[in-house]
């Protein structure tokens, strides 16, 4: 009887020690994460929120349509203070490119976003983007490579191409709204899986 009770107590204690704690996830993004043109609750962030809720984790979506890295950088300190996230997902850069912003400045902004998040005790997941060569092939290549460089420099998790399986498909038009920029509802589960492939490791 004594051995049985000891085993039961030790088992309960090990469950408490090794159970993954609930975490707060802050999503800092633009229209791709703000459900632009979608019904509320159908975007990838809402789908993520439903998934992690099973483990007691929560998601705060601080994404704004049209957001740039500079705008997000200005908002981040107050968000970190209010939310106190364990994980920050950064989905930005597309609007920087659309506005033809200098890539060194965008890269610097990404670095500052990561450093501020890390200083606040949060892990960072950087979602990479690619753009068509409207601004020139060299600009497009450098834009794509800066995500990998920033992630490597700061040793953070990254998704090489957030829109993989959507924008790179022969039938990609079937996944996008009429503007050709914003994914439809049928693309959102794919985007979630792209994020989840890396995020699940940060949640453990």
C-alpha atoms as a PDB file:
ATOM      1  CA  UNK A   1       0.000   0.000   0.000  1.00  0.00           C
ATOM      2  CA  UNK A   2       2.830   2.348   0.937  1.00  0.00           C
ATOM      3  CA  UNK A   3       4.643   1.681  -2.370  1.00  0.00           C
ATOM      4  CA  UNK A   4       1.422   2.269  -4.302  1.00  0.00           C
ATOM      5  CA  UNK A   5       0.864   5.644  -2.604  1.00  0.00           C
ATOM      6  CA  UNK A   6       4.453   6.702  -3.234  1.00  0.00           C
ATOM      7  CA  UNK A   7       4.126   5.814  -6.896  1.00  0.00           C
ATOM      8  CA  UNK A   8       0.881   7.767  -7.183  1.00  0.00           C
ATOM      9  CA  UNK A   9       2.410  10.869  -5.568  1.00  0.00           C
ATOM     10  CA  UNK A  10       5.534  10.711  -7.716  1.00  0.00           C
ATOM     11  CA  UNK A  11       3.432  10.248 -10.840  1.00  0.00           C
ATOM     12  CA  UNK A  12       1.316  13.290 -10.021  1.00  0.00           C
ATOM     13  CA  UNK A  13       4.413  15.345  -9.293  1.00  0.00           C
ATOM     14  CA  UNK A  14       6.052  14.406 -12.586  1.00  0.00           C
ATOM     15  CA  UNK A  15       2.887  15.419 -14.442  1.00  0.00           C
ATOM     16  CA  UNK A  16       3.019  18.850 -12.836  1.00  0.00           C
ATOM     17  CA  UNK A  17       6.704  19.232 -13.627  1.00  0.00           C
ATOM     18  CA  UNK A  18       6.636  18.151 -17.247  1.00  0.00           C
ATOM     19  CA  UNK A  19       3.243  19.484 -18.392  1.00  0.00           C
ATOM     20  CA  UNK A  20       3.697  22.242 -20.974  1.00  0.00           C
ATOM     21  CA  UNK A  21       2.586  25.566 -19.477  1.00  0.00           C
ATOM     22  CA  UNK A  22      -0.036  27.730 -21.147  1.00  0.00           C
ATOM     23  CA  UNK A  23       1.575  30.488 -23.164  1.00  0.00           C
ATOM     24  CA  UNK A  24       0.647  33.869 -24.594  1.00  0.00           C
ATOM     25  CA  UNK A  25       1.273  34.350 -28.296  1.00  0.00           C
ATOM     26  CA  UNK A  26       1.400  37.841 -29.812  1.00  0.00           C
ATOM     27  CA  UNK A  27       0.901  38.095 -33.577  1.00  0.00           C
ATOM     28  CA  UNK A  28       2.357  41.255 -35.049  1.00  0.00           C
ATOM     29  CA  UNK A  29       1.332  41.396 -38.680  1.00  0.00           C
ATOM     30  CA  UNK A  30      -0.320  43.205 -41.544  1.00  0.00           C
ATOM     31  CA  UNK A  31      -3.459  42.527 -43.603  1.00  0.00           C
ATOM     32  CA  UNK A  32      -2.443  38.894 -44.202  1.00  0.00           C
ATOM     33  CA  UNK A  33      -2.970  38.327 -40.490  1.00  0.00           C
ATOM     34  CA  UNK A  34      -5.752  40.880 -39.919  1.00  0.00           C
ATOM     35  CA  UNK A  35      -8.425  38.935 -41.855  1.00  0.00           C
ATOM     36  CA  UNK A  36      -8.606  41.500 -44.640  1.00  0.00           C
ATOM     37  CA  UNK A  37     -11.579  40.646 -46.868  1.00  0.00           C
ATOM     38  CA  UNK A  38     -12.441  37.576 -44.793  1.00  0.00           C
ATOM     39  CA  UNK A  39     -15.296  36.713 -42.467  1.00  0.00           C
ATOM     40  CA  UNK A  40     -14.330  37.247 -38.847  1.00  0.00           C
ATOM     41  CA  UNK A  41     -12.896  34.122 -37.309  1.00  0.00           C
ATOM     42  CA  UNK A  42     -11.807  32.530 -40.595  1.00  0.00           C
ATOM     43  CA  UNK A  43      -8.235  33.849 -40.787  1.00  0.00           C
ATOM     44  CA  UNK A  44      -5.171  31.782 -39.932  1.00  0.00           C
ATOM     45  CA  UNK A  45      -4.670  33.606 -36.608  1.00  0.00           C
ATOM     46  CA  UNK A  46      -8.212  32.705 -35.496  1.00  0.00           C
ATOM     47  CA  UNK A  47      -7.589  29.107 -36.555  1.00  0.00           C
ATOM     48  CA  UNK A  48      -4.376  29.150 -34.529  1.00  0.00           C
ATOM     49  CA  UNK A  49      -6.219  30.510 -31.519  1.00  0.00           C
ATOM     50  CA  UNK A  50      -8.691  27.624 -31.699  1.00  0.00           C
ATOM     51  CA  UNK A  51      -5.870  25.102 -31.924  1.00  0.00           C
ATOM     52  CA  UNK A  52      -3.748  26.308 -29.019  1.00  0.00           C
ATOM     53  CA  UNK A  53      -6.767  26.922 -26.786  1.00  0.00           C
ATOM     54  CA  UNK A  54      -6.908  23.169 -26.219  1.00  0.00           C
ATOM     55  CA  UNK A  55      -3.678  23.479 -24.255  1.00  0.00           C
ATOM     56  CA  UNK A  56      -4.729  26.630 -22.423  1.00  0.00           C
ATOM     57  CA  UNK A  57      -2.597  29.007 -24.507  1.00  0.00           C
ATOM     58  CA  UNK A  58      -3.963  32.301 -25.808  1.00  0.00           C
ATOM     59  CA  UNK A  59      -3.376  34.436 -28.891  1.00  0.00           C
ATOM     60  CA  UNK A  60      -3.445  38.224 -29.123  1.00  0.00           C
ATOM     61  CA  UNK A  61      -3.752  39.432 -32.717  1.00  0.00           C
ATOM     62  CA  UNK A  62      -2.210  42.889 -32.957  1.00  0.00           C
ATOM     63  CA  UNK A  63      -2.141  42.869 -36.767  1.00  0.00           C
ATOM     64  CA  UNK A  64      -3.224  45.931 -38.751  1.00  0.00           C
ATOM     65  CA  UNK A  65      -3.926  46.146 -42.470  1.00  0.00           C
ATOM     66  CA  UNK A  66      -1.267  48.249 -44.173  1.00  0.00           C
ATOM     67  CA  UNK A  67       1.196  47.848 -41.315  1.00  0.00           C
ATOM     68  CA  UNK A  68       4.910  48.331 -42.002  1.00  0.00           C
ATOM     69  CA  UNK A  69       7.920  47.243 -39.980  1.00  0.00           C
ATOM     70  CA  UNK A  70       8.352  50.840 -38.836  1.00  0.00           C
ATOM     71  CA  UNK A  71       4.754  51.107 -37.678  1.00  0.00           C
ATOM     72  CA  UNK A  72       4.963  47.806 -35.819  1.00  0.00           C
ATOM     73  CA  UNK A  73       8.219  48.863 -34.184  1.00  0.00           C
ATOM     74  CA  UNK A  74       6.536  51.985 -32.828  1.00  0.00           C
ATOM     75  CA  UNK A  75       3.695  49.903 -31.357  1.00  0.00           C
ATOM     76  CA  UNK A  76       5.708  46.994 -30.003  1.00  0.00           C
ATOM     77  CA  UNK A  77       6.949  48.362 -26.649  1.00  0.00           C
ATOM     78  CA  UNK A  78       3.430  49.035 -25.381  1.00  0.00           C
ATOM     79  CA  UNK A  79       2.193  45.691 -26.712  1.00  0.00           C
ATOM     80  CA  UNK A  80       4.963  43.831 -24.917  1.00  0.00           C
ATOM     81  CA  UNK A  81       4.142  45.661 -21.690  1.00  0.00           C
ATOM     82  CA  UNK A  82       0.414  44.957 -21.971  1.00  0.00           C
ATOM     83  CA  UNK A  83       0.407  41.395 -23.302  1.00  0.00           C
ATOM     84  CA  UNK A  84       3.633  40.036 -21.777  1.00  0.00           C
ATOM     85  CA  UNK A  85       3.872  37.370 -24.492  1.00  0.00           C
ATOM     86  CA  UNK A  86       5.940  34.200 -24.334  1.00  0.00           C
ATOM     87  CA  UNK A  87       6.095  34.067 -28.131  1.00  0.00           C
ATOM     88  CA  UNK A  88       5.961  36.840 -30.741  1.00  0.00           C
ATOM     89  CA  UNK A  89       5.092  35.937 -34.331  1.00  0.00           C
ATOM     90  CA  UNK A  90       6.283  38.612 -36.766  1.00  0.00           C
ATOM     91  CA  UNK A  91       4.456  38.663 -40.121  1.00  0.00           C
ATOM     92  CA  UNK A  92       5.540  41.875 -41.802  1.00  0.00           C
ATOM     93  CA  UNK A  93       7.520  43.326 -44.673  1.00  0.00           C
ATOM     94  CA  UNK A  94       5.079  43.092 -47.558  1.00  0.00           C
ATOM     95  CA  UNK A  95       3.973  46.708 -47.227  1.00  0.00           C
ATOM     96  CA  UNK A  96       7.581  47.855 -46.926  1.00  0.00           C
ATOM     97  CA  UNK A  97       8.242  46.285 -50.317  1.00  0.00           C
ATOM     98  CA  UNK A  98       5.064  47.641 -51.895  1.00  0.00           C
ATOM     99  CA  UNK A  99       6.163  51.124 -50.876  1.00  0.00           C
ATOM    100  CA  UNK A 100       9.692  50.561 -52.149  1.00  0.00           C
ATOM    101  CA  UNK A 101      11.252  51.210 -48.756  1.00  0.00           C
ATOM    102  CA  UNK A 102      15.041  50.812 -48.554  1.00  0.00           C
ATOM    103  CA  UNK A 103      15.765  47.205 -47.646  1.00  0.00           C
ATOM    104  CA  UNK A 104      18.549  48.034 -45.148  1.00  0.00           C
ATOM    105  CA  UNK A 105      15.995  50.012 -43.127  1.00  0.00           C
ATOM    106  CA  UNK A 106      13.479  47.152 -43.260  1.00  0.00           C
ATOM    107  CA  UNK A 107      16.174  44.742 -42.114  1.00  0.00           C
ATOM    108  CA  UNK A 108      17.145  47.075 -39.276  1.00  0.00           C
ATOM    109  CA  UNK A 109      13.510  47.316 -38.201  1.00  0.00           C
ATOM    110  CA  UNK A 110      13.187  43.529 -38.152  1.00  0.00           C
ATOM    111  CA  UNK A 111      16.302  43.289 -36.005  1.00  0.00           C
ATOM    112  CA  UNK A 112      14.929  45.817 -33.534  1.00  0.00           C
ATOM    113  CA  UNK A 113      11.575  44.027 -33.385  1.00  0.00           C
ATOM    114  CA  UNK A 114      13.366  40.798 -32.529  1.00  0.00           C
ATOM    115  CA  UNK A 115      15.707  42.345 -29.971  1.00  0.00           C
ATOM    116  CA  UNK A 116      12.879  44.128 -28.155  1.00  0.00           C
ATOM    117  CA  UNK A 117      10.861  40.904 -28.032  1.00  0.00           C
ATOM    118  CA  UNK A 118      13.806  38.896 -26.743  1.00  0.00           C
ATOM    119  CA  UNK A 119      14.620  41.508 -24.118  1.00  0.00           C
ATOM    120  CA  UNK A 120      11.033  41.149 -22.914  1.00  0.00           C
ATOM    121  CA  UNK A 121      11.610  37.406 -22.498  1.00  0.00           C
ATOM    122  CA  UNK A 122       9.721  36.258 -25.603  1.00  0.00           C
ATOM    123  CA  UNK A 123      10.728  33.774 -28.268  1.00  0.00           C
ATOM    124  CA  UNK A 124      10.323  35.000 -31.834  1.00  0.00           C
ATOM    125  CA  UNK A 125       9.002  33.333 -34.972  1.00  0.00           C
ATOM    126  CA  UNK A 126       9.714  35.289 -38.159  1.00  0.00           C
ATOM    127  CA  UNK A 127       7.495  34.615 -41.169  1.00  0.00           C
ATOM    128  CA  UNK A 128       9.346  35.106 -44.441  1.00  0.00           C
ATOM    129  CA  UNK A 129       7.810  36.696 -47.503  1.00  0.00           C
ATOM    130  CA  UNK A 130       8.568  36.904 -51.206  1.00  0.00           C
ATOM    131  CA  UNK A 131       7.420  39.484 -53.741  1.00  0.00           C
ATOM    132  CA  UNK A 132       7.023  39.542 -57.535  1.00  0.00           C
ATOM    133  CA  UNK A 133       9.813  41.346 -59.413  1.00  0.00           C
ATOM    134  CA  UNK A 134       7.801  44.551 -59.884  1.00  0.00           C
ATOM    135  CA  UNK A 135      10.528  46.510 -58.092  1.00  0.00           C
ATOM    136  CA  UNK A 136      13.230  44.716 -60.059  1.00  0.00           C
ATOM    137  CA  UNK A 137      14.634  41.209 -59.791  1.00  0.00           C
ATOM    138  CA  UNK A 138      17.542  42.274 -57.583  1.00  0.00           C
ATOM    139  CA  UNK A 139      15.202  43.967 -55.103  1.00  0.00           C
ATOM    140  CA  UNK A 140      12.951  40.888 -54.972  1.00  0.00           C
ATOM    141  CA  UNK A 141      15.890  38.533 -54.337  1.00  0.00           C
ATOM    142  CA  UNK A 142      17.367  40.735 -51.642  1.00  0.00           C
ATOM    143  CA  UNK A 143      13.963  41.133 -50.016  1.00  0.00           C
ATOM    144  CA  UNK A 144      13.524  37.360 -49.724  1.00  0.00           C
ATOM    145  CA  UNK A 145      17.050  36.818 -48.423  1.00  0.00           C
ATOM    146  CA  UNK A 146      16.854  39.420 -45.654  1.00  0.00           C
ATOM    147  CA  UNK A 147      14.426  37.248 -43.672  1.00  0.00           C
ATOM    148  CA  UNK A 148      16.848  34.332 -43.620  1.00  0.00           C
ATOM    149  CA  UNK A 149      19.723  36.630 -42.723  1.00  0.00           C
ATOM    150  CA  UNK A 150      17.875  38.294 -39.846  1.00  0.00           C
ATOM    151  CA  UNK A 151      16.669  34.958 -38.471  1.00  0.00           C
ATOM    152  CA  UNK A 152      20.198  33.554 -38.599  1.00  0.00           C
ATOM    153  CA  UNK A 153      21.803  36.646 -37.070  1.00  0.00           C
ATOM    154  CA  UNK A 154      19.424  36.632 -34.113  1.00  0.00           C
ATOM    155  CA  UNK A 155      19.060  32.843 -33.873  1.00  0.00           C
ATOM    156  CA  UNK A 156      15.263  32.860 -34.085  1.00  0.00           C
ATOM    157  CA  UNK A 157      12.843  30.384 -35.631  1.00  0.00           C
ATOM    158  CA  UNK A 158      11.584  31.244 -39.085  1.00  0.00           C
ATOM    159  CA  UNK A 159       9.229  30.132 -41.833  1.00  0.00           C
ATOM    160  CA  UNK A 160      11.115  30.668 -45.129  1.00  0.00           C
ATOM    161  CA  UNK A 161       7.961  31.513 -47.110  1.00  0.00           C
ATOM    162  CA  UNK A 162       4.712  32.192 -45.293  1.00  0.00           C
ATOM    163  CA  UNK A 163       2.634  31.799 -48.479  1.00  0.00           C
ATOM    164  CA  UNK A 164       4.165  28.458 -49.477  1.00  0.00           C
ATOM    165  CA  UNK A 165       1.542  26.133 -50.927  1.00  0.00           C
ATOM    166  CA  UNK A 166      -0.593  29.132 -51.866  1.00  0.00           C
ATOM    167  CA  UNK A 167       1.291  31.718 -53.915  1.00  0.00           C
ATOM    168  CA  UNK A 168       3.655  29.214 -55.525  1.00  0.00           C
ATOM    169  CA  UNK A 169       0.984  26.905 -56.927  1.00  0.00           C
ATOM    170  CA  UNK A 170       0.047  26.771 -60.642  1.00  0.00           C
ATOM    171  CA  UNK A 171      -3.557  27.396 -59.592  1.00  0.00           C
ATOM    172  CA  UNK A 172      -2.628  30.139 -57.138  1.00  0.00           C
ATOM    173  CA  UNK A 173      -5.457  32.383 -58.378  1.00  0.00           C
ATOM    174  CA  UNK A 174      -7.884  29.951 -56.759  1.00  0.00           C
ATOM    175  CA  UNK A 175      -6.471  30.920 -53.374  1.00  0.00           C
ATOM    176  CA  UNK A 176      -6.509  34.702 -53.715  1.00  0.00           C
ATOM    177  CA  UNK A 177      -9.051  37.483 -53.606  1.00  0.00           C
ATOM    178  CA  UNK A 178      -9.613  39.606 -56.711  1.00  0.00           C
ATOM    179  CA  UNK A 179      -6.684  41.877 -55.823  1.00  0.00           C
ATOM    180  CA  UNK A 180      -4.258  38.983 -56.178  1.00  0.00           C
ATOM    181  CA  UNK A 181      -2.622  39.926 -52.877  1.00  0.00           C
ATOM    182  CA  UNK A 182      -4.841  38.709 -50.052  1.00  0.00           C
ATOM    183  CA  UNK A 183      -5.513  34.973 -49.630  1.00  0.00           C
ATOM    184  CA  UNK A 184      -9.062  33.631 -49.515  1.00  0.00           C
ATOM    185  CA  UNK A 185     -10.536  31.580 -46.687  1.00  0.00           C
ATOM    186  CA  UNK A 186      -9.530  28.327 -48.406  1.00  0.00           C
ATOM    187  CA  UNK A 187      -5.866  29.331 -48.079  1.00  0.00           C
ATOM    188  CA  UNK A 188      -5.975  30.037 -44.345  1.00  0.00           C
ATOM    189  CA  UNK A 189      -5.562  26.403 -43.148  1.00  0.00           C
ATOM    190  CA  UNK A 190      -2.486  26.121 -45.384  1.00  0.00           C
ATOM    191  CA  UNK A 191      -1.005  29.283 -43.882  1.00  0.00           C
ATOM    192  CA  UNK A 192      -1.691  27.941 -40.409  1.00  0.00           C
ATOM    193  CA  UNK A 193       0.163  24.708 -41.154  1.00  0.00           C
ATOM    194  CA  UNK A 194       3.130  26.686 -42.490  1.00  0.00           C
ATOM    195  CA  UNK A 195       3.295  28.555 -39.193  1.00  0.00           C
ATOM    196  CA  UNK A 196       2.529  25.517 -37.056  1.00  0.00           C
ATOM    197  CA  UNK A 197       5.469  23.551 -38.457  1.00  0.00           C
ATOM    198  CA  UNK A 198       7.804  25.898 -36.538  1.00  0.00           C
ATOM    199  CA  UNK A 199       5.558  27.242 -33.793  1.00  0.00           C
ATOM    200  CA  UNK A 200       4.848  23.836 -32.269  1.00  0.00           C
ATOM    201  CA  UNK A 201       8.524  23.539 -31.314  1.00  0.00           C
ATOM    202  CA  UNK A 202       8.434  26.886 -29.487  1.00  0.00           C
ATOM    203  CA  UNK A 203       5.332  25.859 -27.555  1.00  0.00           C
ATOM    204  CA  UNK A 204       6.997  22.765 -26.067  1.00  0.00           C
END
